[in-house]
Amino acid sequence: YHVYLLRIKDITEPQRDQIIQKIFEREVSVNVHFVPLPMMTYYKQEGYRIADYPVSYDNYSREISLPVYYNLTNDQIRTVIQAVIDSVEETIG
């Protein structure tokens, strides 16, 4: 099992979340696997602030993990691709 990341240029975190929701509505499972350490509870409690790591936050806010695994069929790949394209177009035009 591998995770492949999609980063969509110039979107916001709320737009990313909306895109993820629209992809789910097309019965494709995606997720966000990259979460910067300063956003995790332990590191927040230790005083780390995500504002001090703008590049990490920028990458996180635009990232969607795509389903990729060994026996993914060509039809499933096409379904994932179309779900992403349609969801992005509906969200940001």
C-alpha atoms as a PDB file:
ATOM      1  CA  TYR A   1       0.000   0.000   0.000  1.00  0.00           C
ATOM      2  CA  HIS A   2       1.359   3.398  -1.001  1.00  0.00           C
ATOM      3  CA  VAL A   3       0.078   6.917  -0.483  1.00  0.00           C
ATOM      4  CA  TYR A   4       0.305   9.398  -3.309  1.00  0.00           C
ATOM      5  CA  LEU A   5      -0.319  13.048  -2.616  1.00  0.00           C
ATOM      6  CA  LEU A   6      -2.134  15.548  -4.753  1.00  0.00           C
ATOM      7  CA  ARG A   7      -1.505  19.219  -4.025  1.00  0.00           C
ATOM      8  CA  ILE A   8      -3.835  21.648  -5.749  1.00  0.00           C
ATOM      9  CA  LYS A   9      -2.293  25.017  -6.488  1.00  0.00           C
ATOM     10  CA  ASP A  10      -3.811  28.136  -4.919  1.00  0.00           C
ATOM     11  CA  ILE A  11      -6.623  26.544  -2.918  1.00  0.00           C
ATOM     12  CA  THR A  12      -7.440  27.146   0.726  1.00  0.00           C
ATOM     13  CA  GLU A  13      -7.852  24.555   3.455  1.00  0.00           C
ATOM     14  CA  PRO A  14     -11.675  24.961   3.426  1.00  0.00           C
ATOM     15  CA  GLN A  15     -11.682  24.474  -0.353  1.00  0.00           C
ATOM     16  CA  ARG A  16      -9.538  21.364   0.065  1.00  0.00           C
ATOM     17  CA  ASP A  17     -11.994  20.027   2.635  1.00  0.00           C
ATOM     18  CA  GLN A  18     -14.906  20.733   0.292  1.00  0.00           C
ATOM     19  CA  ILE A  19     -13.120  18.914  -2.542  1.00  0.00           C
ATOM     20  CA  ILE A  20     -12.530  15.921  -0.252  1.00  0.00           C
ATOM     21  CA  GLN A  21     -16.228  15.864   0.669  1.00  0.00           C
ATOM     22  CA  LYS A  22     -17.265  15.969  -2.987  1.00  0.00           C
ATOM     23  CA  ILE A  23     -14.862  13.123  -3.784  1.00  0.00           C
ATOM     24  CA  PHE A  24     -16.396  11.085  -0.929  1.00  0.00           C
ATOM     25  CA  GLU A  25     -19.834  11.730  -2.415  1.00  0.00           C
ATOM     26  CA  ARG A  26     -18.554   9.969  -5.545  1.00  0.00           C
ATOM     27  CA  GLU A  27     -17.689   6.947  -3.389  1.00  0.00           C
ATOM     28  CA  VAL A  28     -13.929   7.429  -3.589  1.00  0.00           C
ATOM     29  CA  SER A  29     -11.994   7.367  -0.317  1.00  0.00           C
ATOM     30  CA  VAL A  30      -9.328  10.010   0.070  1.00  0.00           C
ATOM     31  CA  ASN A  31      -7.710  11.468   3.147  1.00  0.00           C
ATOM     32  CA  VAL A  32      -5.125  13.886   4.475  1.00  0.00           C
ATOM     33  CA  HIS A  33      -2.058  12.002   5.669  1.00  0.00           C
ATOM     34  CA  PHE A  34       0.420  14.865   6.024  1.00  0.00           C
ATOM     35  CA  VAL A  35      -0.268  16.829   9.195  1.00  0.00           C
ATOM     36  CA  PRO A  36       2.540  19.161  10.297  1.00  0.00           C
ATOM     37  CA  LEU A  37       3.910  18.383  13.755  1.00  0.00           C
ATOM     38  CA  PRO A  38       3.035  21.846  15.168  1.00  0.00           C
ATOM     39  CA  MET A  39      -0.651  21.034  14.538  1.00  0.00           C
ATOM     40  CA  MET A  40      -0.519  17.897  16.687  1.00  0.00           C
ATOM     41  CA  THR A  41      -1.640  18.162  20.312  1.00  0.00           C
ATOM     42  CA  TYR A  42       1.693  17.300  21.944  1.00  0.00           C
ATOM     43  CA  TYR A  43       3.641  19.848  19.927  1.00  0.00           C
ATOM     44  CA  LYS A  44       0.995  22.545  20.409  1.00  0.00           C
ATOM     45  CA  GLN A  45       1.238  21.971  24.158  1.00  0.00           C
ATOM     46  CA  GLU A  46       5.016  22.313  23.890  1.00  0.00           C
ATOM     47  CA  GLY A  47       4.551  25.763  22.379  1.00  0.00           C
ATOM     48  CA  TYR A  48       5.040  25.060  18.693  1.00  0.00           C
ATOM     49  CA  ARG A  49       2.900  27.294  16.503  1.00  0.00           C
ATOM     50  CA  ILE A  50       1.930  26.415  12.937  1.00  0.00           C
ATOM     51  CA  ALA A  51       2.249  30.117  12.073  1.00  0.00           C
ATOM     52  CA  ASP A  52       6.019  29.646  12.464  1.00  0.00           C
ATOM     53  CA  TYR A  53       5.985  26.970   9.728  1.00  0.00           C
ATOM     54  CA  PRO A  54       4.204  28.588   6.761  1.00  0.00           C
ATOM     55  CA  VAL A  55       5.567  26.203   4.125  1.00  0.00           C
ATOM     56  CA  SER A  56       4.417  23.154   6.082  1.00  0.00           C
ATOM     57  CA  TYR A  57       0.970  24.671   6.565  1.00  0.00           C
ATOM     58  CA  ASP A  58       0.735  25.644   2.890  1.00  0.00           C
ATOM     59  CA  ASN A  59       1.502  22.070   1.814  1.00  0.00           C
ATOM     60  CA  TYR A  60      -0.911  20.613   4.373  1.00  0.00           C
ATOM     61  CA  SER A  61      -3.742  22.950   3.395  1.00  0.00           C
ATOM     62  CA  ARG A  62      -3.636  21.879  -0.275  1.00  0.00           C
ATOM     63  CA  GLU A  63      -2.858  18.170   0.102  1.00  0.00           C
ATOM     64  CA  ILE A  64      -5.135  15.224  -0.613  1.00  0.00           C
ATOM     65  CA  SER A  65      -3.925  11.625  -0.334  1.00  0.00           C
ATOM     66  CA  LEU A  66      -5.112   9.521  -3.248  1.00  0.00           C
ATOM     67  CA  PRO A  67      -5.926   5.809  -3.055  1.00  0.00           C
ATOM     68  CA  VAL A  68      -3.162   3.773  -4.625  1.00  0.00           C
ATOM     69  CA  TYR A  69      -2.614   0.085  -4.068  1.00  0.00           C
ATOM     70  CA  TYR A  70      -1.308  -2.899  -5.984  1.00  0.00           C
ATOM     71  CA  ASN A  71      -4.554  -4.330  -7.348  1.00  0.00           C
ATOM     72  CA  LEU A  72      -6.248  -1.061  -8.270  1.00  0.00           C
ATOM     73  CA  THR A  73      -7.905  -1.680 -11.623  1.00  0.00           C
ATOM     74  CA  ASN A  74      -7.816   0.660 -14.599  1.00  0.00           C
ATOM     75  CA  ASP A  75     -11.538   1.301 -14.124  1.00  0.00           C
ATOM     76  CA  GLN A  76     -10.953   2.230 -10.481  1.00  0.00           C
ATOM     77  CA  ILE A  77      -8.104   4.537 -11.498  1.00  0.00           C
ATOM     78  CA  ARG A  78     -10.396   6.257 -14.012  1.00  0.00           C
ATOM     79  CA  THR A  79     -13.055   6.608 -11.295  1.00  0.00           C
ATOM     80  CA  VAL A  80     -10.565   8.263  -8.934  1.00  0.00           C
ATOM     81  CA  ILE A  81      -9.307  10.612 -11.642  1.00  0.00           C
ATOM     82  CA  GLN A  82     -12.799  11.646 -12.701  1.00  0.00           C
ATOM     83  CA  ALA A  83     -13.945  12.129  -9.095  1.00  0.00           C
ATOM     84  CA  VAL A  84     -10.977  14.427  -8.433  1.00  0.00           C
ATOM     85  CA  ILE A  85     -11.426  16.420 -11.648  1.00  0.00           C
ATOM     86  CA  ASP A  86     -15.178  16.864 -11.161  1.00  0.00           C
ATOM     87  CA  SER A  87     -14.807  17.787  -7.478  1.00  0.00           C
ATOM     88  CA  VAL A  88     -12.087  20.352  -8.136  1.00  0.00           C
ATOM     89  CA  GLU A  89     -14.043  21.904 -11.002  1.00  0.00           C
ATOM     90  CA  GLU A  90     -17.213  22.124  -8.884  1.00  0.00           C
ATOM     91  CA  THR A  91     -15.315  23.745  -6.036  1.00  0.00           C
ATOM     92  CA  ILE A  92     -12.999  26.193  -7.758  1.00  0.00           C
ATOM     93  CA  GLY A  93     -14.303  26.321 -11.314  1.00  0.00           C
END
